[in-house]
């Protein structure tokens, strides 16, 4: 059981038909303003994502990747893969010849994939042209981001903390200190930070269009800078890139049809956990799984155990779909999910040696007044990505290429033009009773676990949405800096439950925080059958908010 209740992050506002949720209140407000002007969910997401690139720069930027799930009213969801491939000149031998056993984590040698996120926003706008609502011009959608970049914004606690703790890794990377420090010292929480160069770039994109980032002056500047710094990316890589439309994965449960993205994301993992969990009661009817209660040992133990086989499958197979030997949907068949559920032991934990990484990411969800919905997730990979900032544009580049392997026998081995495995995965649920839910979380490898906590609490056990988002969470795995793998629990879980998990064989580690960033920064939004909406932001783990229009 949970030791104490949580403060709701929001409440239902009667009659409201649109809501947007982000991990930073200024981005949520930017999206809300677009909705209030008659814009649709896609346009509000553009406003929010671009604002997050300014006010939450350790987690998102114009140099980020993204994945999006869109649903036009009455139609099936559509996915967008806005992750960039490795450079045409990228190859593992460049790193092996320098004696590297892995790809550089920071600096120019970590920047070897095209930043795809901006193209994803354009692809989303293209797909939403037929949606209801005002077709607001791009300058209006980017107005808030340009304003905060030019006039300044108060630095968040998360940015300040991570800039200080990661300074030794980043201070010598070109552009980092000039952008995120004053006199070599990172900005502190609440200090006003301005990004004039980024403001100029956003203004150029507003005037010339988002395609300018790849095939215009901005693309030329970015690629020339990267080449000079030693990256393998060239302007031809930028010019040839476009985000791709892709059919999402889906599974059916008693309550809903759940959607997530296909490879190279870990969407299969997120769906597999929930699909297996939904079948535990039939697989083990005489155990605690047969009469499960929310927050019970069976609930938490069940989700943790359901994660293990799908993390193993993910690690073994998931990479660029063009380089995979098996389609992820194969693991989500009814037969496979039932078999997985039968293998789960109701009272005993399976061994779990697998490690992982964390990351900084932003999830954004929007339900508009016209019945459309978007679940989106954007990331620089690690906090502040590569740390490399282009001095002419203010663009911070991601280090997603660090996920590639240099092992020729690894599924995710680096190849020219190849997409890397991605932890990002936006989620959506269409309930059989007419409700619709978009949800997601930052947290790298832990995202599927955080999604399973939120969805099971709201979708299966019918907790109020705000409680489902803010209730204590867990993370199975090893985050950067850890020496061992453990099941990390926020300290609000009750001592009896913690002891039950230990007795079952889980290597439990109780986190010192009641609300830890190790448990992600999540959010969710729900449209009821009558059209009213509700949003919940992870306000205890982020400066986020749910804003209504």
Protein backbone atom coordinates (compact mmCIF):
# COMPACT_ATOMS: atom_id res chain seq x y z
CA UNK A 1 0.00 0.00 0.00
CA UNK A 2 1.03 3.65 -0.45
CA UNK A 3 2.24 5.27 2.74
CA UNK A 4 0.68 8.65 2.09
CA UNK A 5 -1.60 10.29 -0.43
CA UNK A 6 -0.39 12.69 -3.10
CA UNK A 7 -1.51 16.18 -3.95
CA UNK A 8 -3.53 16.18 -7.19
CA UNK A 9 -1.79 17.96 -10.04
CA UNK A 10 -5.01 19.32 -11.47
CA UNK A 11 -8.74 18.89 -11.38
CA UNK A 12 -11.51 18.46 -13.92
CA UNK A 13 -12.83 21.83 -15.07
CA UNK A 14 -16.47 21.36 -16.14
CA UNK A 15 -17.20 22.23 -19.75
CA UNK A 16 -13.61 22.46 -20.93
CA UNK A 17 -13.01 20.72 -24.26
CA UNK A 18 -9.25 21.12 -24.76
CA UNK A 19 -6.17 20.51 -22.61
CA UNK A 20 -2.41 20.37 -23.05
CA UNK A 21 0.10 18.84 -20.64
CA UNK A 22 3.87 19.42 -20.66
CA UNK A 23 6.71 19.21 -18.09
CA UNK A 24 7.09 23.01 -18.02
CA UNK A 25 4.27 25.45 -17.30
CA UNK A 26 5.50 28.04 -19.83
CA UNK A 27 5.31 25.46 -22.61
CA UNK A 28 1.85 24.37 -21.47
CA UNK A 29 0.73 27.99 -21.52
CA UNK A 30 2.13 28.46 -25.02
CA UNK A 31 0.09 25.49 -26.23
CA UNK A 32 -3.01 26.72 -24.39
CA UNK A 33 -2.75 30.11 -26.09
CA UNK A 34 -2.77 28.40 -29.48
CA UNK A 35 -5.84 26.38 -28.48
CA UNK A 36 -7.58 29.56 -27.30
CA UNK A 37 -6.99 31.09 -30.75
CA UNK A 38 -8.82 28.19 -32.36
CA UNK A 39 -5.76 26.15 -33.22
CA UNK A 40 -5.79 22.37 -33.17
CA UNK A 41 -3.76 19.88 -31.13
CA UNK A 42 -0.96 19.62 -33.71
CA UNK A 43 -0.44 23.38 -33.72
CA UNK A 44 -0.48 23.51 -29.92
CA UNK A 45 2.17 20.79 -29.81
CA UNK A 46 4.42 22.82 -32.14
CA UNK A 47 4.11 25.80 -29.80
CA UNK A 48 4.83 23.66 -26.74
CA UNK A 49 7.77 21.70 -28.20
CA UNK A 50 9.47 24.84 -29.52
CA UNK A 51 9.01 26.57 -26.15
CA UNK A 52 10.47 23.56 -24.32
CA UNK A 53 13.52 23.85 -26.60
CA UNK A 54 14.11 27.22 -24.95
CA UNK A 55 12.91 26.93 -21.34
CA UNK A 56 13.82 23.25 -20.73
CA UNK A 57 17.05 23.06 -22.73
CA UNK A 58 18.64 20.18 -20.83
CA UNK A 59 15.85 17.90 -22.06
CA UNK A 60 14.79 19.26 -25.45
CA UNK A 61 16.10 21.43 -28.25
CA UNK A 62 15.98 22.08 -31.97
CA UNK A 63 18.73 19.47 -32.22
CA UNK A 64 16.53 16.76 -30.66
CA UNK A 65 14.74 13.72 -32.04
CA UNK A 66 11.04 13.07 -31.62
CA UNK A 67 8.22 10.56 -32.04
CA UNK A 68 4.55 11.43 -32.32
CA UNK A 69 1.18 9.67 -32.26
CA UNK A 70 -1.62 11.64 -33.93
CA UNK A 71 -5.30 10.86 -34.05
CA UNK A 72 -7.78 12.81 -36.09
CA UNK A 73 -11.29 12.62 -34.67
CA UNK A 74 -12.94 9.34 -35.59
CA UNK A 75 -9.87 7.88 -37.29
CA UNK A 76 -7.11 5.47 -36.36
CA UNK A 77 -3.87 6.85 -34.89
CA UNK A 78 -0.90 7.61 -37.15
CA UNK A 79 2.73 7.58 -36.05
CA UNK A 80 5.60 9.87 -37.03
CA UNK A 81 9.20 8.78 -36.68
CA UNK A 82 11.22 11.99 -36.35
CA UNK A 83 14.52 10.36 -35.43
CA UNK A 84 17.50 11.00 -37.67
CA UNK A 85 19.80 8.37 -39.15
CA UNK A 86 23.54 8.10 -38.74
CA UNK A 87 25.59 10.17 -41.16
CA UNK A 88 26.43 8.66 -44.53
CA UNK A 89 30.09 8.86 -43.49
CA UNK A 90 29.57 7.31 -40.05
CA UNK A 91 31.22 3.97 -39.37
CA UNK A 92 32.34 1.97 -36.37
CA UNK A 93 35.96 1.76 -37.56
CA UNK A 94 36.48 5.48 -36.92
CA UNK A 95 35.94 4.83 -33.22
CA UNK A 96 37.65 1.44 -33.03
CA UNK A 97 40.79 2.84 -34.65
CA UNK A 98 41.06 5.33 -31.77
CA UNK A 99 40.86 2.50 -29.26
CA UNK A 100 37.25 3.27 -28.30
CA UNK A 101 34.99 0.53 -26.96
CA UNK A 102 31.93 2.77 -27.27
CA UNK A 103 30.91 5.95 -29.06
CA UNK A 104 31.88 9.25 -27.46
CA UNK A 105 29.26 10.49 -25.01
CA UNK A 106 29.84 14.23 -25.37
CA UNK A 107 31.22 16.63 -27.94
CA UNK A 108 31.30 16.54 -31.73
CA UNK A 109 32.13 12.84 -32.05
CA UNK A 110 28.87 12.10 -30.21
CA UNK A 111 26.91 14.00 -32.88
CA UNK A 112 26.54 11.47 -35.66
CA UNK A 113 22.78 11.38 -36.32
CA UNK A 114 20.65 13.98 -38.10
CA UNK A 115 18.43 15.91 -35.65
CA UNK A 116 14.96 14.84 -36.75
CA UNK A 117 12.62 16.62 -34.36
CA UNK A 118 11.99 19.79 -36.38
CA UNK A 119 11.05 17.71 -39.42
CA UNK A 120 8.60 15.79 -37.23
CA UNK A 121 6.81 19.03 -36.35
CA UNK A 122 6.51 19.90 -40.04
CA UNK A 123 5.21 16.42 -40.90
CA UNK A 124 2.61 16.73 -38.14
CA UNK A 125 1.47 20.12 -39.43
CA UNK A 126 1.18 18.67 -42.94
CA UNK A 127 -0.98 15.78 -41.72
CA UNK A 128 -3.21 18.09 -39.67
CA UNK A 129 -4.09 20.46 -42.54
CA UNK A 130 -7.44 18.68 -42.94
CA UNK A 131 -8.25 18.82 -39.23
CA UNK A 132 -10.88 21.22 -37.96
CA UNK A 133 -9.77 24.52 -36.46
CA UNK A 134 -8.00 27.69 -37.44
CA UNK A 135 -4.91 27.32 -39.60
CA UNK A 136 -2.66 29.59 -37.60
CA UNK A 137 0.56 30.81 -39.28
CA UNK A 138 3.90 29.41 -38.16
CA UNK A 139 5.11 32.75 -36.65
CA UNK A 140 2.22 32.55 -34.17
CA UNK A 141 3.09 28.98 -33.26
CA UNK A 142 6.73 29.90 -32.57
CA UNK A 143 5.95 33.23 -30.90
CA UNK A 144 6.31 32.07 -27.29
CA UNK A 145 9.59 30.27 -27.95
CA UNK A 146 11.03 33.34 -29.68
CA UNK A 147 9.89 35.60 -26.85
CA UNK A 148 11.44 33.52 -24.07
CA UNK A 149 14.68 33.07 -26.01
CA UNK A 150 14.98 36.81 -26.59
CA UNK A 151 13.59 38.25 -23.34
CA UNK A 152 14.63 35.44 -21.00
CA UNK A 153 13.04 32.85 -18.73
CA UNK A 154 13.63 31.70 -15.13
CA UNK A 155 15.93 28.68 -15.04
CA UNK A 156 14.22 25.57 -13.67
CA UNK A 157 15.51 23.59 -10.70
CA UNK A 158 16.13 20.62 -12.96
CA UNK A 159 18.25 22.58 -15.45
CA UNK A 160 20.27 24.24 -12.69
CA UNK A 161 20.94 20.99 -10.86
CA UNK A 162 21.97 19.04 -13.95
CA UNK A 163 24.14 21.84 -15.33
CA UNK A 164 26.06 21.92 -12.06
CA UNK A 165 26.38 18.15 -11.64
CA UNK A 166 27.39 17.52 -15.28
CA UNK A 167 29.65 20.57 -15.66
CA UNK A 168 32.87 18.55 -15.55
CA UNK A 169 31.69 16.52 -18.55
CA UNK A 170 30.44 19.53 -20.51
CA UNK A 171 32.49 22.60 -19.67
CA UNK A 172 35.09 21.96 -22.37
CA UNK A 173 32.57 21.11 -25.10
CA UNK A 174 32.43 24.04 -27.56
CA UNK A 175 29.50 26.34 -26.92
CA UNK A 176 28.22 24.82 -23.69
CA UNK A 177 29.64 27.27 -21.18
CA UNK A 178 28.91 30.27 -23.38
CA UNK A 179 25.27 29.21 -23.53
CA UNK A 180 24.45 27.68 -20.15
CA UNK A 181 26.92 29.42 -17.83
CA UNK A 182 27.80 32.92 -16.70
CA UNK A 183 31.53 33.39 -16.13
CA UNK A 184 31.95 29.62 -16.24
CA UNK A 185 29.31 28.98 -13.57
CA UNK A 186 25.96 27.42 -14.59
CA UNK A 187 22.84 29.50 -14.10
CA UNK A 188 21.13 28.91 -10.77
CA UNK A 189 17.47 28.15 -10.27
CA UNK A 190 15.35 31.24 -10.85
CA UNK A 191 18.04 33.23 -12.65
CA UNK A 192 16.93 34.73 -15.94
CA UNK A 193 18.61 33.13 -18.93
CA UNK A 194 18.46 34.49 -22.48
CA UNK A 195 19.34 32.76 -25.75
CA UNK A 196 19.61 35.48 -28.39
CA UNK A 197 21.21 33.24 -31.01
CA UNK A 198 18.44 30.67 -30.65
CA UNK A 199 15.88 33.46 -30.84
CA UNK A 200 17.34 34.53 -34.19
CA UNK A 201 17.19 30.96 -35.46
CA UNK A 202 13.57 30.58 -34.37
CA UNK A 203 12.75 33.87 -36.13
CA UNK A 204 14.38 32.60 -39.32
CA UNK A 205 12.36 29.37 -39.13
CA UNK A 206 9.17 31.35 -38.49
CA UNK A 207 9.82 33.46 -41.58
CA UNK A 208 11.09 30.81 -43.98
CA UNK A 209 9.44 27.61 -42.68
CA UNK A 210 10.65 24.61 -40.71
CA UNK A 211 12.21 23.08 -43.81
CA UNK A 212 14.80 25.84 -43.53
CA UNK A 213 16.39 23.81 -40.73
CA UNK A 214 17.46 21.15 -43.23
CA UNK A 215 17.56 22.60 -46.73
CA UNK A 216 18.05 26.31 -46.12
CA UNK A 217 20.62 28.66 -44.65
CA UNK A 218 20.20 27.17 -41.17
CA UNK A 219 20.96 23.67 -42.46
CA UNK A 220 24.10 24.95 -44.22
CA UNK A 221 25.32 26.69 -41.05
CA UNK A 222 24.66 23.70 -38.81
CA UNK A 223 26.31 21.15 -41.09
CA UNK A 224 29.34 23.35 -41.76
CA UNK A 225 29.86 23.84 -38.03
CA UNK A 226 29.57 20.11 -37.35
CA UNK A 227 32.03 19.22 -40.09
CA UNK A 228 34.52 21.76 -38.75
CA UNK A 229 34.16 20.25 -35.27
CA UNK A 230 34.90 16.73 -36.49
CA UNK A 231 31.39 15.27 -36.78
CA UNK A 232 30.69 12.97 -39.73
CA UNK A 233 27.43 14.81 -40.54
CA UNK A 234 27.32 16.82 -43.75
CA UNK A 235 24.80 19.10 -45.41
CA UNK A 236 23.80 16.24 -47.71
CA UNK A 237 22.64 14.33 -44.62
CA UNK A 238 20.47 17.29 -43.64
CA UNK A 239 19.13 17.87 -47.16
CA UNK A 240 18.14 14.24 -47.62
CA UNK A 241 16.28 13.90 -44.33
CA UNK A 242 12.53 13.87 -43.74
CA UNK A 243 10.54 12.50 -40.84
CA UNK A 244 8.57 9.40 -41.76
CA UNK A 245 4.93 8.42 -41.29
CA UNK A 246 4.70 4.96 -39.74
CA UNK A 247 1.83 2.71 -38.63
CA UNK A 248 1.78 2.32 -34.85
CA UNK A 249 1.77 -0.93 -32.89
CA UNK A 250 -1.35 -1.84 -30.92
CA UNK A 251 -2.74 -4.43 -28.51
CA UNK A 252 -6.20 -5.10 -27.10
CA UNK A 253 -7.05 -5.42 -23.42
CA UNK A 254 -10.31 -5.74 -21.54
CA UNK A 255 -10.54 -1.97 -21.16
CA UNK A 256 -9.00 -0.47 -24.29
CA UNK A 257 -6.94 -0.65 -27.42
CA UNK A 258 -3.43 0.59 -26.61
CA UNK A 259 -1.13 2.23 -29.16
CA UNK A 260 2.56 2.98 -29.27
CA UNK A 261 5.27 3.34 -31.92
CA UNK A 262 7.14 0.59 -33.72
CA UNK A 263 10.93 0.15 -33.91
CA UNK A 264 13.34 1.78 -33.47
CA UNK A 265 11.45 2.82 -30.31
CA UNK A 266 10.78 0.67 -27.27
CA UNK A 267 7.05 0.96 -27.92
CA UNK A 268 6.89 -2.84 -28.21
CA UNK A 269 8.23 -3.04 -24.65
CA UNK A 270 5.60 -0.67 -23.28
CA UNK A 271 2.75 -2.51 -24.97
CA UNK A 272 4.18 -5.92 -24.08
CA UNK A 273 4.30 -5.12 -20.37
CA UNK A 274 0.68 -4.01 -20.28
CA UNK A 275 -0.50 -6.78 -22.60
CA UNK A 276 1.10 -9.46 -20.43
CA UNK A 277 -0.11 -7.84 -17.22
CA UNK A 278 -3.68 -7.81 -18.57
CA UNK A 279 -3.50 -11.59 -18.99
CA UNK A 280 -2.07 -12.48 -15.56
CA UNK A 281 -5.43 -13.06 -13.90
CA UNK A 282 -6.42 -15.71 -16.45
CA UNK A 283 -2.95 -17.28 -16.44
CA UNK A 284 -2.88 -17.52 -12.61
CA UNK A 285 -6.52 -17.41 -11.43
CA UNK A 286 -5.84 -18.99 -8.03
CA UNK A 287 -3.03 -16.59 -7.11
CA UNK A 288 -3.15 -12.96 -5.98
CA UNK A 289 -3.15 -12.07 -9.68
CA UNK A 290 -6.68 -13.51 -9.86
CA UNK A 291 -8.12 -10.85 -7.54
CA UNK A 292 -5.66 -7.99 -7.84
CA UNK A 293 -5.95 -4.72 -5.95
CA UNK A 294 -4.34 -1.40 -6.89
CA UNK A 295 -0.96 -0.82 -5.18
CA UNK A 296 -0.88 -4.36 -3.82
CA UNK A 297 2.15 -6.62 -4.00
CA UNK A 298 0.55 -8.43 -6.95
CA UNK A 299 0.13 -5.12 -8.81
CA UNK A 300 3.70 -3.87 -8.42
CA UNK A 301 5.37 -7.30 -8.59
CA UNK A 302 3.29 -8.21 -11.62
CA UNK A 303 4.28 -5.13 -13.64
CA UNK A 304 7.95 -5.47 -12.68
CA UNK A 305 8.01 -9.11 -13.74
CA UNK A 306 6.13 -8.41 -16.98
CA UNK A 307 8.82 -5.88 -17.87
CA UNK A 308 11.72 -8.33 -17.71
CA UNK A 309 11.03 -10.51 -20.77
CA UNK A 310 10.21 -7.51 -22.94
CA UNK A 311 13.34 -5.65 -21.90
CA UNK A 312 15.30 -8.74 -22.89
CA UNK A 313 13.58 -8.91 -26.29
CA UNK A 314 14.11 -5.18 -26.79
CA UNK A 315 17.82 -5.38 -26.02
CA UNK A 316 18.27 -8.32 -28.38
CA UNK A 317 16.26 -7.16 -31.38
CA UNK A 318 15.22 -3.50 -31.49
CA UNK A 319 17.07 -1.25 -33.92
CA UNK A 320 16.37 0.33 -37.33
CA UNK A 321 13.41 -1.68 -38.76
CA UNK A 322 15.28 -2.11 -42.05
CA UNK A 323 17.99 -4.00 -40.16
CA UNK A 324 15.76 -6.20 -37.97
CA UNK A 325 15.38 -9.94 -38.38
CA UNK A 326 11.89 -10.01 -36.83
CA UNK A 327 9.00 -7.54 -36.62
CA UNK A 328 8.22 -6.27 -33.09
CA UNK A 329 4.49 -6.94 -33.56
CA UNK A 330 5.37 -10.66 -33.53
CA UNK A 331 5.99 -10.37 -29.79
CA UNK A 332 2.56 -8.79 -29.23
CA UNK A 333 0.38 -11.57 -30.63
CA UNK A 334 -2.32 -12.98 -28.37
CA UNK A 335 -0.54 -16.32 -28.24
CA UNK A 336 2.76 -14.69 -27.24
CA UNK A 337 1.22 -12.47 -24.55
CA UNK A 338 -0.65 -15.40 -22.99
CA UNK A 339 2.54 -17.47 -23.00
CA UNK A 340 4.48 -14.63 -21.38
CA UNK A 341 1.82 -14.30 -18.67
CA UNK A 342 2.04 -18.00 -17.85
CA UNK A 343 5.78 -17.69 -17.29
CA UNK A 344 5.40 -14.98 -14.63
CA UNK A 345 5.73 -16.36 -11.09
CA UNK A 346 3.11 -14.87 -8.73
CA UNK A 347 5.32 -14.94 -5.64
CA UNK A 348 8.89 -14.96 -6.94
CA UNK A 349 11.08 -12.53 -8.90
CA UNK A 350 13.10 -13.71 -11.85
CA UNK A 351 16.80 -12.85 -11.85
CA UNK A 352 17.53 -9.56 -13.52
CA UNK A 353 21.15 -8.66 -14.35
CA UNK A 354 20.44 -6.35 -17.27
CA UNK A 355 21.63 -2.75 -16.99
CA UNK A 356 20.49 0.38 -18.79
CA UNK A 357 20.74 4.11 -19.12
CA UNK A 358 18.60 7.05 -18.17
CA UNK A 359 18.03 10.21 -20.13
CA UNK A 360 16.35 13.59 -20.27
CA UNK A 361 13.23 13.79 -22.34
CA UNK A 362 9.95 15.70 -22.60
CA UNK A 363 6.52 14.16 -23.10
CA UNK A 364 3.74 16.43 -24.36
CA UNK A 365 0.08 15.55 -24.80
CA UNK A 366 -2.83 17.51 -26.21
CA UNK A 367 -6.57 16.96 -26.73
CA UNK A 368 -8.22 19.76 -28.70
CA UNK A 369 -11.80 20.99 -28.87
CA UNK A 370 -12.34 19.33 -32.26
CA UNK A 371 -11.77 15.76 -31.05
CA UNK A 372 -8.15 15.43 -32.25
CA UNK A 373 -5.30 14.20 -30.08
CA UNK A 374 -1.49 14.10 -30.03
CA UNK A 375 0.96 12.21 -27.84
CA UNK A 376 4.52 13.39 -28.48
CA UNK A 377 7.94 12.81 -27.00
CA UNK A 378 11.16 14.72 -27.74
CA UNK A 379 14.68 14.24 -26.41
CA UNK A 380 18.35 15.18 -26.62
CA UNK A 381 19.15 11.67 -25.27
CA UNK A 382 21.36 12.50 -22.26
CA UNK A 383 20.94 15.68 -20.22
CA UNK A 384 22.11 18.53 -22.48
CA UNK A 385 22.75 15.92 -25.20
CA UNK A 386 26.24 16.20 -26.66
CA UNK A 387 26.74 19.58 -25.00
CA UNK A 388 27.83 20.95 -28.40
CA UNK A 389 26.21 24.29 -29.29
CA UNK A 390 26.51 25.91 -32.71
CA UNK A 391 27.77 29.48 -32.04
CA UNK A 392 25.89 30.98 -35.01
CA UNK A 393 22.48 29.46 -34.29
CA UNK A 394 22.34 28.56 -30.58
CA UNK A 395 21.28 25.03 -31.52
CA UNK A 396 22.27 22.33 -29.00
CA UNK A 397 22.87 18.91 -30.58
CA UNK A 398 21.71 15.57 -29.22
CA UNK A 399 23.97 12.59 -28.56
CA UNK A 400 21.50 9.88 -29.58
CA UNK A 401 24.24 8.18 -31.58
CA UNK A 402 25.78 6.96 -28.33
CA UNK A 403 23.09 4.28 -28.34
CA UNK A 404 24.79 2.60 -31.31
CA UNK A 405 27.09 -0.34 -30.61
CA UNK A 406 30.60 -0.85 -32.03
CA UNK A 407 30.17 -4.62 -31.78
CA UNK A 408 29.68 -5.98 -35.30
CA UNK A 409 27.45 -8.77 -33.92
CA UNK A 410 25.12 -6.43 -32.04
CA UNK A 411 21.67 -5.72 -33.52
CA UNK A 412 22.22 -1.99 -33.02
CA UNK A 413 25.72 -1.83 -34.51
CA UNK A 414 26.60 1.49 -36.14
CA UNK A 415 26.11 1.58 -39.92
CA UNK A 416 26.03 4.55 -42.32
CA UNK A 417 22.50 5.93 -42.69
CA UNK A 418 21.09 3.62 -39.99
CA UNK A 419 18.57 4.59 -37.33
CA UNK A 420 19.58 3.77 -33.77
CA UNK A 421 17.41 2.15 -31.12
CA UNK A 422 15.45 4.80 -29.20
CA UNK A 423 14.07 4.80 -25.67
CA UNK A 424 11.40 7.34 -26.71
CA UNK A 425 7.83 6.09 -27.06
CA UNK A 426 4.58 8.11 -26.88
CA UNK A 427 1.47 6.24 -25.73
CA UNK A 428 -2.25 6.42 -26.45
CA UNK A 429 -5.29 4.43 -25.33
CA UNK A 430 -8.75 4.29 -26.91
CA UNK A 431 -11.11 2.88 -24.31
CA UNK A 432 -14.02 0.68 -25.28
CA UNK A 433 -16.38 2.97 -23.31
CA UNK A 434 -15.52 5.97 -25.50
CA UNK A 435 -12.77 7.61 -23.44
CA UNK A 436 -9.42 8.51 -24.98
CA UNK A 437 -6.10 8.89 -23.18
CA UNK A 438 -2.68 10.20 -24.18
CA UNK A 439 0.18 9.60 -21.75
CA UNK A 440 3.94 9.27 -21.47
CA UNK A 441 7.04 10.08 -19.47
CA UNK A 442 10.69 10.99 -19.67
CA UNK A 443 13.12 8.56 -18.12
CA UNK A 444 15.11 6.73 -20.76
CA UNK A 445 15.03 2.97 -20.21
CA UNK A 446 12.38 3.38 -17.50
CA UNK A 447 9.69 4.91 -19.72
CA UNK A 448 7.77 1.64 -20.30
CA UNK A 449 7.66 1.02 -16.55
CA UNK A 450 6.40 4.54 -15.80
CA UNK A 451 3.75 4.20 -18.50
CA UNK A 452 2.64 0.87 -17.04
CA UNK A 453 2.25 2.45 -13.59
CA UNK A 454 0.14 5.34 -14.89
CA UNK A 455 -2.02 3.32 -17.26
CA UNK A 456 -2.71 0.47 -14.84
CA UNK A 457 -3.69 2.85 -12.07
CA UNK A 458 -6.06 4.89 -14.20
CA UNK A 459 -7.13 2.51 -16.96
CA UNK A 460 -7.45 -0.74 -14.96
CA UNK A 461 -7.96 0.26 -11.33
CA UNK A 462 -9.75 3.57 -12.07
CA UNK A 463 -7.71 5.84 -9.83
CA UNK A 464 -8.33 9.53 -10.54
CA UNK A 465 -5.95 10.73 -13.25
CA UNK A 466 -3.93 13.09 -11.04
CA UNK A 467 -3.40 10.36 -8.45
CA UNK A 468 -2.36 7.92 -11.16
CA UNK A 469 0.34 10.34 -12.36
CA UNK A 470 1.61 11.48 -8.97
CA UNK A 471 1.47 8.20 -7.05
CA UNK A 472 4.88 6.70 -6.13
CA UNK A 473 6.71 4.92 -8.94
CA UNK A 474 9.50 2.44 -9.36
CA UNK A 475 12.34 1.82 -11.82
CA UNK A 476 13.92 -1.56 -12.44
CA UNK A 477 17.43 -1.30 -13.85
CA UNK A 478 20.71 0.53 -13.62
CA UNK A 479 20.95 4.24 -14.29
CA UNK A 480 24.16 6.08 -15.16
CA UNK A 481 26.54 6.15 -12.23
CA UNK A 482 25.02 3.11 -10.55
CA UNK A 483 27.30 0.19 -9.75
CA UNK A 484 24.48 -2.36 -9.61
CA UNK A 485 21.01 -3.18 -10.91
CA UNK A 486 18.13 -2.76 -8.48
CA UNK A 487 14.40 -2.17 -8.17
CA UNK A 488 14.31 1.48 -7.12
CA UNK A 489 11.23 2.59 -5.18
CA UNK A 490 10.26 6.10 -4.17
CA UNK A 491 10.09 6.28 -0.39
CA UNK A 492 6.31 6.76 -0.22
CA UNK A 493 5.70 3.03 -0.70
CA UNK A 494 4.69 1.35 2.55
CA UNK A 495 7.18 -0.73 4.54
CA UNK A 496 5.01 -3.86 4.30
CA UNK A 497 4.98 -3.75 0.50
CA UNK A 498 8.71 -3.10 0.39
CA UNK A 499 9.35 -6.11 2.62
CA UNK A 500 7.05 -8.30 0.49
CA UNK A 501 9.02 -7.36 -2.61
CA UNK A 502 12.30 -8.16 -0.89
CA UNK A 503 10.99 -11.50 0.32
CA UNK A 504 10.02 -12.31 -3.27
CA UNK A 505 13.63 -11.85 -4.36
CA UNK A 506 13.61 -8.29 -5.69
CA UNK A 507 16.82 -6.34 -5.04
CA UNK A 508 14.97 -3.36 -3.58
CA UNK A 509 16.57 0.06 -3.20
CA UNK A 510 14.45 2.74 -1.50
CA UNK A 511 15.18 6.14 -2.98
CA UNK A 512 15.67 9.00 -0.52
CA UNK A 513 13.18 11.22 -2.34
CA UNK A 514 9.40 11.07 -2.16
CA UNK A 515 9.28 12.31 -5.76
CA UNK A 516 12.43 11.35 -7.63
CA UNK A 517 13.45 12.26 -11.18
CA UNK A 518 14.74 8.67 -11.36
CA UNK A 519 11.04 7.80 -11.65
CA UNK A 520 10.55 10.04 -14.66
CA UNK A 521 8.53 13.16 -15.35
CA UNK A 522 5.16 11.99 -16.63
CA UNK A 523 1.86 13.37 -17.80
CA UNK A 524 -1.52 12.29 -19.10
CA UNK A 525 -4.71 13.71 -20.55
CA UNK A 526 -8.13 12.09 -20.95
CA UNK A 527 -11.16 12.95 -23.05
CA UNK A 528 -14.38 11.62 -21.59
CA UNK A 529 -17.16 10.19 -23.72
CA UNK A 530 -19.12 13.45 -23.36
CA UNK A 531 -16.19 15.46 -24.77
CA UNK A 532 -14.92 17.06 -21.55
CA UNK A 533 -11.21 16.73 -20.84
CA UNK A 534 -8.87 16.30 -17.90
CA UNK A 535 -5.10 16.67 -17.70
CA UNK A 536 -2.50 15.78 -15.09
CA UNK A 537 1.11 16.94 -14.94
CA UNK A 538 3.88 15.52 -12.78
CA UNK A 539 4.08 18.69 -10.72
CA UNK A 540 6.17 17.20 -7.89
CA UNK A 541 8.88 15.97 -10.25
CA UNK A 542 8.82 18.84 -12.78
CA UNK A 543 7.62 22.43 -13.23
CA UNK A 544 4.91 21.13 -15.54
CA UNK A 545 1.21 21.91 -15.75
CA UNK A 546 -2.03 20.96 -17.42
CA UNK A 547 -3.60 23.97 -19.14
CA UNK A 548 -7.20 24.14 -20.36
CA UNK A 549 -8.78 26.03 -23.24
